[in-house]
């Protein structure tokens, strides 16, 4: 089983955390990280639970366990000044409520890809 508790010394330079244990401890206090006491040769120190750490730190410690932290968020751009968008908008605005309900139901079940597939088959 993977280790779940880490001291500030162990977390230095992991993910977005800095190189100073004092800075890591300060951030942990400010963000109310989950912690426990650890007794060692040099006295008592705090260990922080992995679930409290920033996602980038979790990913650096266990990339296979926290893969979502490594993924970049998807970026989408929508152009609304083109003719196709205006035409689609006019079609949707002119639909009867029951037609609109059927369209939404189809999209919920099949997604946009299913709709595009259906359209391409109809145009062949």
PDB file of N, CA and C in Angstrom:
ATOM      1  N   UNK A   1       0.833  -1.186   0.000  1.00  0.00           N
ATOM      2  CA  UNK A   1       0.000   0.000   0.000  1.00  0.00           C
ATOM      3  C   UNK A   1       0.875   1.247   0.000  1.00  0.00           C
ATOM      4  N   UNK A   2       0.445   2.249  -0.735  1.00  0.00           N
ATOM      5  CA  UNK A   2       1.205   3.493  -0.831  1.00  0.00           C
ATOM      6  C   UNK A   2       1.160   4.271   0.478  1.00  0.00           C
ATOM      7  N   UNK A   3       2.212   5.014   0.696  1.00  0.00           N
ATOM      8  CA  UNK A   3       2.300   5.870   1.869  1.00  0.00           C
ATOM      9  C   UNK A   3       1.266   6.990   1.746  1.00  0.00           C
ATOM     10  N   UNK A   4       0.592   7.342   2.844  1.00  0.00           N
ATOM     11  CA  UNK A   4      -0.452   8.367   2.806  1.00  0.00           C
ATOM     12  C   UNK A   4      -0.128   9.596   3.643  1.00  0.00           C
ATOM     13  N   UNK A   5       0.868   9.526   4.508  1.00  0.00           N
ATOM     14  CA  UNK A   5       1.212  10.634   5.392  1.00  0.00           C
ATOM     15  C   UNK A   5       2.634  11.097   5.091  1.00  0.00           C
ATOM     16  N   UNK A   6       2.830  12.423   5.006  1.00  0.00           N
ATOM     17  CA  UNK A   6       4.119  12.989   4.623  1.00  0.00           C
ATOM     18  C   UNK A   6       4.471  14.168   5.524  1.00  0.00           C
ATOM     19  N   UNK A   7       5.750  14.263   5.888  1.00  0.00           N
ATOM     20  CA  UNK A   7       6.223  15.418   6.649  1.00  0.00           C
ATOM     21  C   UNK A   7       6.521  16.557   5.679  1.00  0.00           C
ATOM     22  N   UNK A   8       6.673  17.753   6.224  1.00  0.00           N
ATOM     23  CA  UNK A   8       7.001  18.910   5.392  1.00  0.00           C
ATOM     24  C   UNK A   8       8.342  18.699   4.688  1.00  0.00           C
ATOM     25  N   UNK A   9       9.285  18.052   5.365  1.00  0.00           N
ATOM     26  CA  UNK A   9      10.583  17.766   4.737  1.00  0.00           C
ATOM     27  C   UNK A   9      10.426  16.862   3.523  1.00  0.00           C
ATOM     28  N   UNK A  10       9.546  15.888   3.618  1.00  0.00           N
ATOM     29  CA  UNK A  10       9.320  14.963   2.504  1.00  0.00           C
ATOM     30  C   UNK A  10       8.591  15.638   1.339  1.00  0.00           C
ATOM     31  N   UNK A  11       7.892  16.719   1.624  1.00  0.00           N
ATOM     32  CA  UNK A  11       7.094  17.390   0.591  1.00  0.00           C
ATOM     33  C   UNK A  11       7.836  18.518  -0.120  1.00  0.00           C
ATOM     34  N   UNK A  12       9.067  18.807   0.304  1.00  0.00           N
ATOM     35  CA  UNK A  12       9.821  19.898  -0.323  1.00  0.00           C
ATOM     36  C   UNK A  12       9.931  19.683  -1.829  1.00  0.00           C
ATOM     37  N   UNK A  13       9.656  20.755  -2.584  1.00  0.00           N
ATOM     38  CA  UNK A  13       9.785  20.763  -4.052  1.00  0.00           C
ATOM     39  C   UNK A  13       8.861  19.768  -4.751  1.00  0.00           C
ATOM     40  N   UNK A  14       7.812  19.343  -4.105  1.00  0.00           N
ATOM     41  CA  UNK A  14       6.856  18.420  -4.739  1.00  0.00           C
ATOM     42  C   UNK A  14       5.684  19.231  -5.277  1.00  0.00           C
ATOM     43  N   UNK A  15       5.422  19.074  -6.555  1.00  0.00           N
ATOM     44  CA  UNK A  15       4.325  19.811  -7.176  1.00  0.00           C
ATOM     45  C   UNK A  15       4.557  21.298  -7.075  1.00  0.00           C
ATOM     46  N   UNK A  16       3.574  22.015  -6.562  1.00  0.00           N
ATOM     47  CA  UNK A  16       3.679  23.467  -6.457  1.00  0.00           C
ATOM     48  C   UNK A  16       4.202  23.923  -5.101  1.00  0.00           C
ATOM     49  N   UNK A  17       4.613  22.980  -4.250  1.00  0.00           N
ATOM     50  CA  UNK A  17       5.117  23.341  -2.929  1.00  0.00           C
ATOM     51  C   UNK A  17       6.558  23.820  -3.032  1.00  0.00           C
ATOM     52  N   UNK A  18       6.924  24.718  -2.156  1.00  0.00           N
ATOM     53  CA  UNK A  18       8.260  25.295  -2.175  1.00  0.00           C
ATOM     54  C   UNK A  18       9.304  24.410  -1.524  1.00  0.00           C
ATOM     55  N   UNK A  19      10.467  25.009  -1.280  1.00  0.00           N
ATOM     56  CA  UNK A  19      11.595  24.245  -0.745  1.00  0.00           C
ATOM     57  C   UNK A  19      11.744  24.397   0.761  1.00  0.00           C
ATOM     58  N   UNK A  20      10.906  25.211   1.377  1.00  0.00           N
ATOM     59  CA  UNK A  20      11.029  25.479   2.802  1.00  0.00           C
ATOM     60  C   UNK A  20       9.979  24.713   3.605  1.00  0.00           C
ATOM     61  N   UNK A  21      10.415  23.866   4.548  1.00  0.00           N
ATOM     62  CA  UNK A  21       9.442  23.176   5.403  1.00  0.00           C
ATOM     63  C   UNK A  21       8.566  24.159   6.186  1.00  0.00           C
ATOM     64  N   UNK A  22       9.148  25.304   6.566  1.00  0.00           N
ATOM     65  CA  UNK A  22       8.369  26.312   7.289  1.00  0.00           C
ATOM     66  C   UNK A  22       7.241  26.856   6.407  1.00  0.00           C
ATOM     67  N   UNK A  23       7.535  27.087   5.131  1.00  0.00           N
ATOM     68  CA  UNK A  23       6.515  27.570   4.199  1.00  0.00           C
ATOM     69  C   UNK A  23       5.422  26.538   3.971  1.00  0.00           C
ATOM     70  N   UNK A  24       5.817  25.281   3.905  1.00  0.00           N
ATOM     71  CA  UNK A  24       4.842  24.199   3.718  1.00  0.00           C
ATOM     72  C   UNK A  24       3.950  24.095   4.958  1.00  0.00           C
ATOM     73  N   UNK A  25       4.558  24.167   6.157  1.00  0.00           N
ATOM     74  CA  UNK A  25       3.772  24.122   7.395  1.00  0.00           C
ATOM     75  C   UNK A  25       2.813  25.310   7.491  1.00  0.00           C
ATOM     76  N   UNK A  26       3.270  26.477   7.052  1.00  0.00           N
ATOM     77  CA  UNK A  26       2.412  27.670   7.077  1.00  0.00           C
ATOM     78  C   UNK A  26       1.211  27.479   6.146  1.00  0.00           C
ATOM     79  N   UNK A  27       1.478  26.997   4.949  1.00  0.00           N
ATOM     80  CA  UNK A  27       0.392  26.760   3.992  1.00  0.00           C
ATOM     81  C   UNK A  27      -0.588  25.722   4.542  1.00  0.00           C
ATOM     82  N   UNK A  28      -0.055  24.693   5.177  1.00  0.00           N
ATOM     83  CA  UNK A  28      -0.901  23.646   5.763  1.00  0.00           C
ATOM     84  C   UNK A  28      -1.822  24.234   6.835  1.00  0.00           C
ATOM     85  N   UNK A  29      -1.276  25.135   7.659  1.00  0.00           N
ATOM     86  CA  UNK A  29      -2.103  25.792   8.687  1.00  0.00           C
ATOM     87  C   UNK A  29      -3.182  26.658   8.044  1.00  0.00           C
ATOM     88  N   UNK A  30      -2.790  27.452   7.050  1.00  0.00           N
ATOM     89  CA  UNK A  30      -3.730  28.373   6.399  1.00  0.00           C
ATOM     90  C   UNK A  30      -4.845  27.632   5.669  1.00  0.00           C
ATOM     91  N   UNK A  31      -4.510  26.491   5.072  1.00  0.00           N
ATOM     92  CA  UNK A  31      -5.492  25.742   4.281  1.00  0.00           C
ATOM     93  C   UNK A  31      -6.123  24.593   5.068  1.00  0.00           C
ATOM     94  N   UNK A  32      -5.772  24.521   6.346  1.00  0.00           N
ATOM     95  CA  UNK A  32      -6.371  23.527   7.243  1.00  0.00           C
ATOM     96  C   UNK A  32      -6.213  22.091   6.723  1.00  0.00           C
ATOM     97  N   UNK A  33      -4.963  21.731   6.381  1.00  0.00           N
ATOM     98  CA  UNK A  33      -4.687  20.374   5.919  1.00  0.00           C
ATOM     99  C   UNK A  33      -4.890  19.389   7.069  1.00  0.00           C
ATOM    100  N   UNK A  34      -5.303  18.195   6.731  1.00  0.00           N
ATOM    101  CA  UNK A  34      -5.443  17.104   7.706  1.00  0.00           C
ATOM    102  C   UNK A  34      -4.039  16.659   8.128  1.00  0.00           C
ATOM    103  N   UNK A  35      -3.814  16.536   9.438  1.00  0.00           N
ATOM    104  CA  UNK A  35      -2.484  16.170   9.917  1.00  0.00           C
ATOM    105  C   UNK A  35      -2.573  15.248  11.129  1.00  0.00           C
ATOM    106  N   UNK A  36      -1.424  14.640  11.426  1.00  0.00           N
ATOM    107  CA  UNK A  36      -1.282  13.820  12.631  1.00  0.00           C
ATOM    108  C   UNK A  36       0.122  14.030  13.182  1.00  0.00           C
ATOM    109  N   UNK A  37       0.293  13.716  14.452  1.00  0.00           N
ATOM    110  CA  UNK A  37       1.620  13.838  15.074  1.00  0.00           C
ATOM    111  C   UNK A  37       2.465  12.621  14.722  1.00  0.00           C
ATOM    112  N   UNK A  38       3.749  12.889  14.546  1.00  0.00           N
ATOM    113  CA  UNK A  38       4.705  11.801  14.305  1.00  0.00           C
ATOM    114  C   UNK A  38       5.840  11.957  15.311  1.00  0.00           C
ATOM    115  N   UNK A  39       6.082  10.922  16.073  1.00  0.00           N
ATOM    116  CA  UNK A  39       7.142  10.952  17.073  1.00  0.00           C
ATOM    117  C   UNK A  39       8.392  10.320  16.473  1.00  0.00           C
ATOM    118  N   UNK A  40       9.497  11.036  16.581  1.00  0.00           N
ATOM    119  CA  UNK A  40      10.743  10.528  16.024  1.00  0.00           C
ATOM    120  C   UNK A  40      11.921  10.823  16.927  1.00  0.00           C
ATOM    121  N   UNK A  41      13.127  10.651  16.377  1.00  0.00           N
ATOM    122  CA  UNK A  41      14.355  10.860  17.135  1.00  0.00           C
ATOM    123  C   UNK A  41      14.520  12.315  17.563  1.00  0.00           C
ATOM    124  N   UNK A  42      14.026  13.222  16.737  1.00  0.00           N
ATOM    125  CA  UNK A  42      14.207  14.642  17.023  1.00  0.00           C
ATOM    126  C   UNK A  42      12.956  15.278  17.625  1.00  0.00           C
ATOM    127  N   UNK A  43      12.088  14.484  18.185  1.00  0.00           N
ATOM    128  CA  UNK A  43      10.895  15.028  18.825  1.00  0.00           C
ATOM    129  C   UNK A  43       9.646  14.753  18.018  1.00  0.00           C
ATOM    130  N   UNK A  44       8.721  15.703  18.088  1.00  0.00           N
ATOM    131  CA  UNK A  44       7.423  15.539  17.444  1.00  0.00           C
ATOM    132  C   UNK A  44       7.351  16.446  16.217  1.00  0.00           C
ATOM    133  N   UNK A  45       6.826  15.910  15.143  1.00  0.00           N
ATOM    134  CA  UNK A  45       6.598  16.703  13.929  1.00  0.00           C
ATOM    135  C   UNK A  45       5.205  16.369  13.405  1.00  0.00           C
ATOM    136  N   UNK A  46       4.764  17.134  12.429  1.00  0.00           N
ATOM    137  CA  UNK A  46       3.449  16.887  11.830  1.00  0.00           C
ATOM    138  C   UNK A  46       3.617  16.156  10.511  1.00  0.00           C
ATOM    139  N   UNK A  47       2.682  15.260  10.253  1.00  0.00           N
ATOM    140  CA  UNK A  47       2.574  14.599   8.952  1.00  0.00           C
ATOM    141  C   UNK A  47       1.239  15.019   8.348  1.00  0.00           C
ATOM    142  N   UNK A  48       1.245  15.257   7.038  1.00  0.00           N
ATOM    143  CA  UNK A  48       0.037  15.703   6.346  1.00  0.00           C
ATOM    144  C   UNK A  48      -0.497  14.588   5.455  1.00  0.00           C
ATOM    145  N   UNK A  49      -1.817  14.433   5.457  1.00  0.00           N
ATOM    146  CA  UNK A  49      -2.451  13.386   4.657  1.00  0.00           C
ATOM    147  C   UNK A  49      -2.462  13.794   3.191  1.00  0.00           C
ATOM    148  N   UNK A  50      -2.259  12.837   2.306  1.00  0.00           N
ATOM    149  CA  UNK A  50      -2.172  13.104   0.874  1.00  0.00           C
ATOM    150  C   UNK A  50      -3.440  13.758   0.325  1.00  0.00           C
ATOM    151  N   UNK A  51      -4.590  13.466   0.894  1.00  0.00           N
ATOM    152  CA  UNK A  51      -5.842  14.048   0.399  1.00  0.00           C
ATOM    153  C   UNK A  51      -5.925  15.550   0.640  1.00  0.00           C
ATOM    154  N   UNK A  52      -5.110  16.077   1.561  1.00  0.00           N
ATOM    155  CA  UNK A  52      -5.108  17.508   1.846  1.00  0.00           C
ATOM    156  C   UNK A  52      -4.162  18.282   0.937  1.00  0.00           C
ATOM    157  N   UNK A  53      -3.259  17.587   0.285  1.00  0.00           N
ATOM    158  CA  UNK A  53      -2.216  18.244  -0.507  1.00  0.00           C
ATOM    159  C   UNK A  53      -2.771  18.765  -1.829  1.00  0.00           C
ATOM    160  N   UNK A  54      -2.098  19.776  -2.416  1.00  0.00           N
ATOM    161  CA  UNK A  54      -2.518  20.252  -3.739  1.00  0.00           C
ATOM    162  C   UNK A  54      -2.458  19.117  -4.764  1.00  0.00           C
ATOM    163  N   UNK A  55      -3.314  19.192  -5.779  1.00  0.00           N
ATOM    164  CA  UNK A  55      -3.373  18.129  -6.790  1.00  0.00           C
ATOM    165  C   UNK A  55      -2.031  17.903  -7.475  1.00  0.00           C
ATOM    166  N   UNK A  56      -1.296  18.985  -7.744  1.00  0.00           N
ATOM    167  CA  UNK A  56      -0.003  18.809  -8.414  1.00  0.00           C
ATOM    168  C   UNK A  56       0.962  18.006  -7.547  1.00  0.00           C
ATOM    169  N   UNK A  57       0.886  18.186  -6.248  1.00  0.00           N
ATOM    170  CA  UNK A  57       1.742  17.437  -5.327  1.00  0.00           C
ATOM    171  C   UNK A  57       1.301  15.977  -5.264  1.00  0.00           C
ATOM    172  N   UNK A  58      -0.007  15.750  -5.181  1.00  0.00           N
ATOM    173  CA  UNK A  58      -0.520  14.378  -5.185  1.00  0.00           C
ATOM    174  C   UNK A  58      -0.054  13.648  -6.435  1.00  0.00           C
ATOM    175  N   UNK A  59      -0.139  14.328  -7.576  1.00  0.00           N
ATOM    176  CA  UNK A  59       0.247  13.705  -8.835  1.00  0.00           C
ATOM    177  C   UNK A  59       1.733  13.397  -8.891  1.00  0.00           C
ATOM    178  N   UNK A  60       2.554  14.286  -8.366  1.00  0.00           N
ATOM    179  CA  UNK A  60       3.994  14.027  -8.394  1.00  0.00           C
ATOM    180  C   UNK A  60       4.364  12.858  -7.482  1.00  0.00           C
ATOM    181  N   UNK A  61       3.660  12.722  -6.373  1.00  0.00           N
ATOM    182  CA  UNK A  61       3.935  11.609  -5.461  1.00  0.00           C
ATOM    183  C   UNK A  61       3.456  10.277  -6.032  1.00  0.00           C
ATOM    184  N   UNK A  62       2.247  10.261  -6.605  1.00  0.00           N
ATOM    185  CA  UNK A  62       1.655   9.030  -7.147  1.00  0.00           C
ATOM    186  C   UNK A  62       0.928   9.325  -8.457  1.00  0.00           C
ATOM    187  N   UNK A  63       1.652   9.460  -9.573  1.00  0.00           N
ATOM    188  CA  UNK A  63       0.989   9.808 -10.835  1.00  0.00           C
ATOM    189  C   UNK A  63      -0.035   8.776 -11.296  1.00  0.00           C
ATOM    190  N   UNK A  64       0.203   7.497 -11.021  1.00  0.00           N
ATOM    191  CA  UNK A  64      -0.746   6.463 -11.449  1.00  0.00           C
ATOM    192  C   UNK A  64      -2.009   6.477 -10.594  1.00  0.00           C
ATOM    193  N   UNK A  65      -1.915   6.953  -9.381  1.00  0.00           N
ATOM    194  CA  UNK A  65      -3.059   6.974  -8.467  1.00  0.00           C
ATOM    195  C   UNK A  65      -3.899   8.241  -8.623  1.00  0.00           C
ATOM    196  N   UNK A  66      -3.273   9.335  -9.028  1.00  0.00           N
ATOM    197  CA  UNK A  66      -3.962  10.615  -9.186  1.00  0.00           C
ATOM    198  C   UNK A  66      -3.763  11.140 -10.604  1.00  0.00           C
ATOM    199  N   UNK A  67      -4.223  10.405 -11.618  1.00  0.00           N
ATOM    200  CA  UNK A  67      -3.953  10.807 -12.999  1.00  0.00           C
ATOM    201  C   UNK A  67      -4.664  12.083 -13.413  1.00  0.00           C
ATOM    202  N   UNK A  68      -5.814  12.369 -12.831  1.00  0.00           N
ATOM    203  CA  UNK A  68      -6.550  13.562 -13.233  1.00  0.00           C
ATOM    204  C   UNK A  68      -5.788  14.829 -12.903  1.00  0.00           C
ATOM    205  N   UNK A  69      -4.972  14.772 -11.883  1.00  0.00           N
ATOM    206  CA  UNK A  69      -4.200  15.950 -11.529  1.00  0.00           C
ATOM    207  C   UNK A  69      -3.187  16.290 -12.610  1.00  0.00           C
ATOM    208  N   UNK A  70      -2.797  15.307 -13.425  1.00  0.00           N
ATOM    209  CA  UNK A  70      -1.797  15.537 -14.454  1.00  0.00           C
ATOM    210  C   UNK A  70      -2.397  16.067 -15.744  1.00  0.00           C
ATOM    211  N   UNK A  71      -3.685  15.876 -15.934  1.00  0.00           N
ATOM    212  CA  UNK A  71      -4.300  16.273 -17.189  1.00  0.00           C
ATOM    213  C   UNK A  71      -4.532  17.770 -17.246  1.00  0.00           C
ATOM    214  N   UNK A  72      -4.306  18.319 -18.412  1.00  0.00           N
ATOM    215  CA  UNK A  72      -4.627  19.719 -18.633  1.00  0.00           C
ATOM    216  C   UNK A  72      -6.120  19.837 -18.872  1.00  0.00           C
ATOM    217  N   UNK A  73      -6.748  20.880 -18.356  1.00  0.00           N
ATOM    218  CA  UNK A  73      -8.174  21.035 -18.623  1.00  0.00           C
ATOM    219  C   UNK A  73      -8.419  21.281 -20.106  1.00  0.00           C
ATOM    220  N   UNK A  74      -9.523  20.768 -20.600  1.00  0.00           N
ATOM    221  CA  UNK A  74      -9.867  20.947 -22.005  1.00  0.00           C
ATOM    222  C   UNK A  74     -10.180  22.411 -22.270  1.00  0.00           C
ATOM    223  N   UNK A  75      -9.743  22.896 -23.413  1.00  0.00           N
ATOM    224  CA  UNK A  75     -10.011  24.284 -23.796  1.00  0.00           C
ATOM    225  C   UNK A  75     -10.883  24.279 -25.036  1.00  0.00           C
ATOM    226  N   UNK A  76     -11.978  24.989 -24.963  1.00  0.00           N
ATOM    227  CA  UNK A  76     -12.905  25.070 -26.081  1.00  0.00           C
ATOM    228  C   UNK A  76     -13.085  26.532 -26.471  1.00  0.00           C
ATOM    229  N   UNK A  77     -13.193  26.752 -27.757  1.00  0.00           N
ATOM    230  CA  UNK A  77     -13.520  28.091 -28.233  1.00  0.00           C
ATOM    231  C   UNK A  77     -14.737  27.983 -29.126  1.00  0.00           C
ATOM    232  N   UNK A  78     -15.632  28.926 -28.970  1.00  0.00           N
ATOM    233  CA  UNK A  78     -16.852  28.936 -29.761  1.00  0.00           C
ATOM    234  C   UNK A  78     -16.918  30.253 -30.498  1.00  0.00           C
ATOM    235  N   UNK A  79     -17.044  30.167 -31.792  1.00  0.00           N
ATOM    236  CA  UNK A  79     -17.180  31.370 -32.604  1.00  0.00           C
ATOM    237  C   UNK A  79     -18.661  31.597 -32.858  1.00  0.00           C
ATOM    238  N   UNK A  80     -19.137  32.749 -32.452  1.00  0.00           N
ATOM    239  CA  UNK A  80     -20.558  33.030 -32.604  1.00  0.00           C
ATOM    240  C   UNK A  80     -20.834  34.030 -33.714  1.00  0.00           C
ATOM    241  N   UNK A  81     -19.811  34.452 -34.418  1.00  0.00           N
ATOM    242  CA  UNK A  81     -20.054  35.441 -35.456  1.00  0.00           C
ATOM    243  C   UNK A  81     -20.146  34.816 -36.841  1.00  0.00           C
ATOM    244  N   UNK A  82     -20.096  33.507 -36.939  1.00  0.00           N
ATOM    245  CA  UNK A  82     -20.176  32.851 -38.239  1.00  0.00           C
ATOM    246  C   UNK A  82     -21.611  32.580 -38.645  1.00  0.00           C
ATOM    247  N   UNK A  83     -21.818  32.418 -39.937  1.00  0.00           N
ATOM    248  CA  UNK A  83     -23.150  32.145 -40.480  1.00  0.00           C
ATOM    249  C   UNK A  83     -23.702  30.810 -39.977  1.00  0.00           C
ATOM    250  N   UNK A  84     -22.905  29.720 -39.913  1.00  0.00           N
ATOM    251  CA  UNK A  84     -23.472  28.448 -39.441  1.00  0.00           C
ATOM    252  C   UNK A  84     -24.079  28.556 -38.042  1.00  0.00           C
ATOM    253  N   UNK A  85     -23.428  29.288 -37.168  1.00  0.00           N
ATOM    254  CA  UNK A  85     -23.960  29.438 -35.811  1.00  0.00           C
ATOM    255  C   UNK A  85     -25.306  30.159 -35.841  1.00  0.00           C
ATOM    256  N   UNK A  86     -25.386  31.229 -36.608  1.00  0.00           N
ATOM    257  CA  UNK A  86     -26.634  31.992 -36.690  1.00  0.00           C
ATOM    258  C   UNK A  86     -27.750  31.131 -37.281  1.00  0.00           C
ATOM    259  N   UNK A  87     -27.405  30.317 -38.264  1.00  0.00           N
ATOM    260  CA  UNK A  87     -28.406  29.455 -38.885  1.00  0.00           C
ATOM    261  C   UNK A  87     -28.906  28.400 -37.897  1.00  0.00           C
ATOM    262  N   UNK A  88     -27.984  27.794 -37.162  1.00  0.00           N
ATOM    263  CA  UNK A  88     -28.377  26.805 -36.157  1.00  0.00           C
ATOM    264  C   UNK A  88     -29.258  27.445 -35.089  1.00  0.00           C
ATOM    265  N   UNK A  89     -28.866  28.628 -34.662  1.00  0.00           N
ATOM    266  CA  UNK A  89     -29.647  29.321 -33.643  1.00  0.00           C
ATOM    267  C   UNK A  89     -31.062  29.621 -34.142  1.00  0.00           C
ATOM    268  N   UNK A  90     -31.191  30.002 -35.403  1.00  0.00           N
ATOM    269  CA  UNK A  90     -32.524  30.288 -35.939  1.00  0.00           C
ATOM    270  C   UNK A  90     -33.364  29.005 -36.022  1.00  0.00           C
ATOM    271  N   UNK A  91     -32.732  27.865 -36.353  1.00  0.00           N
ATOM    272  CA  UNK A  91     -33.465  26.593 -36.369  1.00  0.00           C
ATOM    273  C   UNK A  91     -33.982  26.248 -34.973  1.00  0.00           C
ATOM    274  N   UNK A  92     -33.110  26.374 -33.976  1.00  0.00           N
ATOM    275  CA  UNK A  92     -33.502  26.035 -32.609  1.00  0.00           C
ATOM    276  C   UNK A  92     -34.599  26.962 -32.093  1.00  0.00           C
ATOM    277  N   UNK A  93     -34.500  28.235 -32.431  1.00  0.00           N
ATOM    278  CA  UNK A  93     -35.503  29.201 -31.988  1.00  0.00           C
ATOM    279  C   UNK A  93     -36.861  28.916 -32.613  1.00  0.00           C
ATOM    280  N   UNK A  94     -36.860  28.436 -33.859  1.00  0.00           N
ATOM    281  CA  UNK A  94     -38.108  28.187 -34.567  1.00  0.00           C
ATOM    282  C   UNK A  94     -38.740  26.837 -34.297  1.00  0.00           C
ATOM    283  N   UNK A  95     -38.114  26.016 -33.468  1.00  0.00           N
ATOM    284  CA  UNK A  95     -38.655  24.677 -33.199  1.00  0.00           C
ATOM    285  C   UNK A  95     -39.867  24.742 -32.282  1.00  0.00           C
ATOM    286  N   UNK A  96     -40.772  23.797 -32.488  1.00  0.00           N
ATOM    287  CA  UNK A  96     -41.908  23.637 -31.588  1.00  0.00           C
ATOM    288  C   UNK A  96     -41.391  23.005 -30.295  1.00  0.00           C
ATOM    289  N   UNK A  97     -42.056  23.239 -29.180  1.00  0.00           N
ATOM    290  CA  UNK A  97     -41.586  22.673 -27.901  1.00  0.00           C
ATOM    291  C   UNK A  97     -41.426  21.155 -27.930  1.00  0.00           C
ATOM    292  N   UNK A  98     -42.351  20.453 -28.615  1.00  0.00           N
ATOM    293  CA  UNK A  98     -42.232  18.986 -28.657  1.00  0.00           C
ATOM    294  C   UNK A  98     -41.042  18.549 -29.514  1.00  0.00           C
ATOM    295  N   UNK A  99     -40.738  19.304 -30.585  1.00  0.00           N
ATOM    296  CA  UNK A  99     -39.558  18.992 -31.411  1.00  0.00           C
ATOM    297  C   UNK A  99     -38.280  19.228 -30.603  1.00  0.00           C
ATOM    298  N   UNK A 100     -38.276  20.303 -29.871  1.00  0.00           N
ATOM    299  CA  UNK A 100     -37.121  20.645 -29.042  1.00  0.00           C
ATOM    300  C   UNK A 100     -36.893  19.563 -27.977  1.00  0.00           C
ATOM    301  N   UNK A 101     -37.968  19.061 -27.393  1.00  0.00           N
ATOM    302  CA  UNK A 101     -37.868  18.001 -26.378  1.00  0.00           C
ATOM    303  C   UNK A 101     -37.295  16.723 -26.978  1.00  0.00           C
ATOM    304  N   UNK A 102     -37.720  16.380 -28.205  1.00  0.00           N
ATOM    305  CA  UNK A 102     -37.197  15.187 -28.883  1.00  0.00           C
ATOM    306  C   UNK A 102     -35.705  15.356 -29.152  1.00  0.00           C
ATOM    307  N   UNK A 103     -35.313  16.551 -29.610  1.00  0.00           N
ATOM    308  CA  UNK A 103     -33.897  16.821 -29.886  1.00  0.00           C
ATOM    309  C   UNK A 103     -33.065  16.700 -28.610  1.00  0.00           C
ATOM    310  N   UNK A 104     -33.527  17.299 -27.532  1.00  0.00           N
ATOM    311  CA  UNK A 104     -32.785  17.225 -26.268  1.00  0.00           C
ATOM    312  C   UNK A 104     -32.680  15.792 -25.757  1.00  0.00           C
ATOM    313  N   UNK A 105     -33.748  15.032 -25.911  1.00  0.00           N
ATOM    314  CA  UNK A 105     -33.729  13.632 -25.491  1.00  0.00           C
ATOM    315  C   UNK A 105     -32.708  12.840 -26.306  1.00  0.00           C
ATOM    316  N   UNK A 106     -32.695  13.069 -27.627  1.00  0.00           N
ATOM    317  CA  UNK A 106     -31.736  12.384 -28.498  1.00  0.00           C
ATOM    318  C   UNK A 106     -30.305  12.748 -28.101  1.00  0.00           C
ATOM    319  N   UNK A 107     -30.055  14.044 -27.868  1.00  0.00           N
ATOM    320  CA  UNK A 107     -28.710  14.487 -27.491  1.00  0.00           C
ATOM    321  C   UNK A 107     -28.292  13.905 -26.144  1.00  0.00           C
ATOM    322  N   UNK A 108     -29.229  13.797 -25.227  1.00  0.00           N
ATOM    323  CA  UNK A 108     -28.907  13.228 -23.916  1.00  0.00           C
ATOM    324  C   UNK A 108     -28.503  11.762 -24.033  1.00  0.00           C
ATOM    325  N   UNK A 109     -29.156  11.036 -24.935  1.00  0.00           N
ATOM    326  CA  UNK A 109     -28.862   9.606 -25.094  1.00  0.00           C
ATOM    327  C   UNK A 109     -27.634   9.357 -25.967  1.00  0.00           C
ATOM    328  N   UNK A 110     -27.490  10.137 -27.057  1.00  0.00           N
ATOM    329  CA  UNK A 110     -26.475   9.837 -28.070  1.00  0.00           C
ATOM    330  C   UNK A 110     -25.361  10.865 -28.177  1.00  0.00           C
ATOM    331  N   UNK A 111     -25.548  12.023 -27.591  1.00  0.00           N
ATOM    332  CA  UNK A 111     -24.542  13.065 -27.666  1.00  0.00           C
ATOM    333  C   UNK A 111     -24.506  13.726 -29.034  1.00  0.00           C
ATOM    334  N   UNK A 112     -23.666  14.743 -29.151  1.00  0.00           N
ATOM    335  CA  UNK A 112     -23.538  15.483 -30.403  1.00  0.00           C
ATOM    336  C   UNK A 112     -22.977  14.589 -31.509  1.00  0.00           C
ATOM    337  N   UNK A 113     -22.076  13.673 -31.150  1.00  0.00           N
ATOM    338  CA  UNK A 113     -21.495  12.777 -32.153  1.00  0.00           C
ATOM    339  C   UNK A 113     -22.579  11.901 -32.782  1.00  0.00           C
ATOM    340  N   UNK A 114     -23.524  11.444 -31.976  1.00  0.00           N
ATOM    341  CA  UNK A 114     -24.634  10.645 -32.501  1.00  0.00           C
ATOM    342  C   UNK A 114     -25.505  11.439 -33.453  1.00  0.00           C
ATOM    343  N   UNK A 115     -25.734  12.709 -33.126  1.00  0.00           N
ATOM    344  CA  UNK A 115     -26.526  13.574 -34.000  1.00  0.00           C
ATOM    345  C   UNK A 115     -25.802  13.813 -35.319  1.00  0.00           C
ATOM    346  N   UNK A 116     -24.513  14.088 -35.251  1.00  0.00           N
ATOM    347  CA  UNK A 116     -23.738  14.312 -36.475  1.00  0.00           C
ATOM    348  C   UNK A 116     -23.686  13.056 -37.333  1.00  0.00           C
ATOM    349  N   UNK A 117     -23.581  11.898 -36.709  1.00  0.00           N
ATOM    350  CA  UNK A 117     -23.586  10.630 -37.440  1.00  0.00           C
ATOM    351  C   UNK A 117     -24.918  10.434 -38.160  1.00  0.00           C
ATOM    352  N   UNK A 118     -26.005  10.714 -37.475  1.00  0.00           N
ATOM    353  CA  UNK A 118     -27.338  10.595 -38.067  1.00  0.00           C
ATOM    354  C   UNK A 118     -27.497  11.551 -39.254  1.00  0.00           C
ATOM    355  N   UNK A 119     -27.004  12.765 -39.108  1.00  0.00           N
ATOM    356  CA  UNK A 119     -27.093  13.755 -40.188  1.00  0.00           C
ATOM    357  C   UNK A 119     -26.267  13.314 -41.387  1.00  0.00           C
ATOM    358  N   UNK A 120     -25.053  12.815 -41.140  1.00  0.00           N
ATOM    359  CA  UNK A 120     -24.200  12.402 -42.259  1.00  0.00           C
ATOM    360  C   UNK A 120     -24.803  11.215 -43.007  1.00  0.00           C
ATOM    361  N   UNK A 121     -25.460  10.292 -42.282  1.00  0.00           N
ATOM    362  CA  UNK A 121     -26.121   9.160 -42.942  1.00  0.00           C
ATOM    363  C   UNK A 121     -27.303   9.641 -43.777  1.00  0.00           C
ATOM    364  N   UNK A 122     -28.022  10.640 -43.299  1.00  0.00           N
ATOM    365  CA  UNK A 122     -29.184  11.166 -44.027  1.00  0.00           C
ATOM    366  C   UNK A 122     -28.761  11.919 -45.284  1.00  0.00           C
ATOM    367  N   UNK A 123     -27.555  12.470 -45.281  1.00  0.00           N
ATOM    368  CA  UNK A 123     -27.080  13.246 -46.431  1.00  0.00           C
ATOM    369  C   UNK A 123     -26.416  12.391 -47.498  1.00  0.00           C
ATOM    370  N   UNK A 124     -26.301  11.096 -47.275  1.00  0.00           N
ATOM    371  CA  UNK A 124     -25.652  10.218 -48.266  1.00  0.00           C
ATOM    372  C   UNK A 124     -26.624   9.749 -49.298  1.00  0.00           C
TER     373      UNK A 124
END
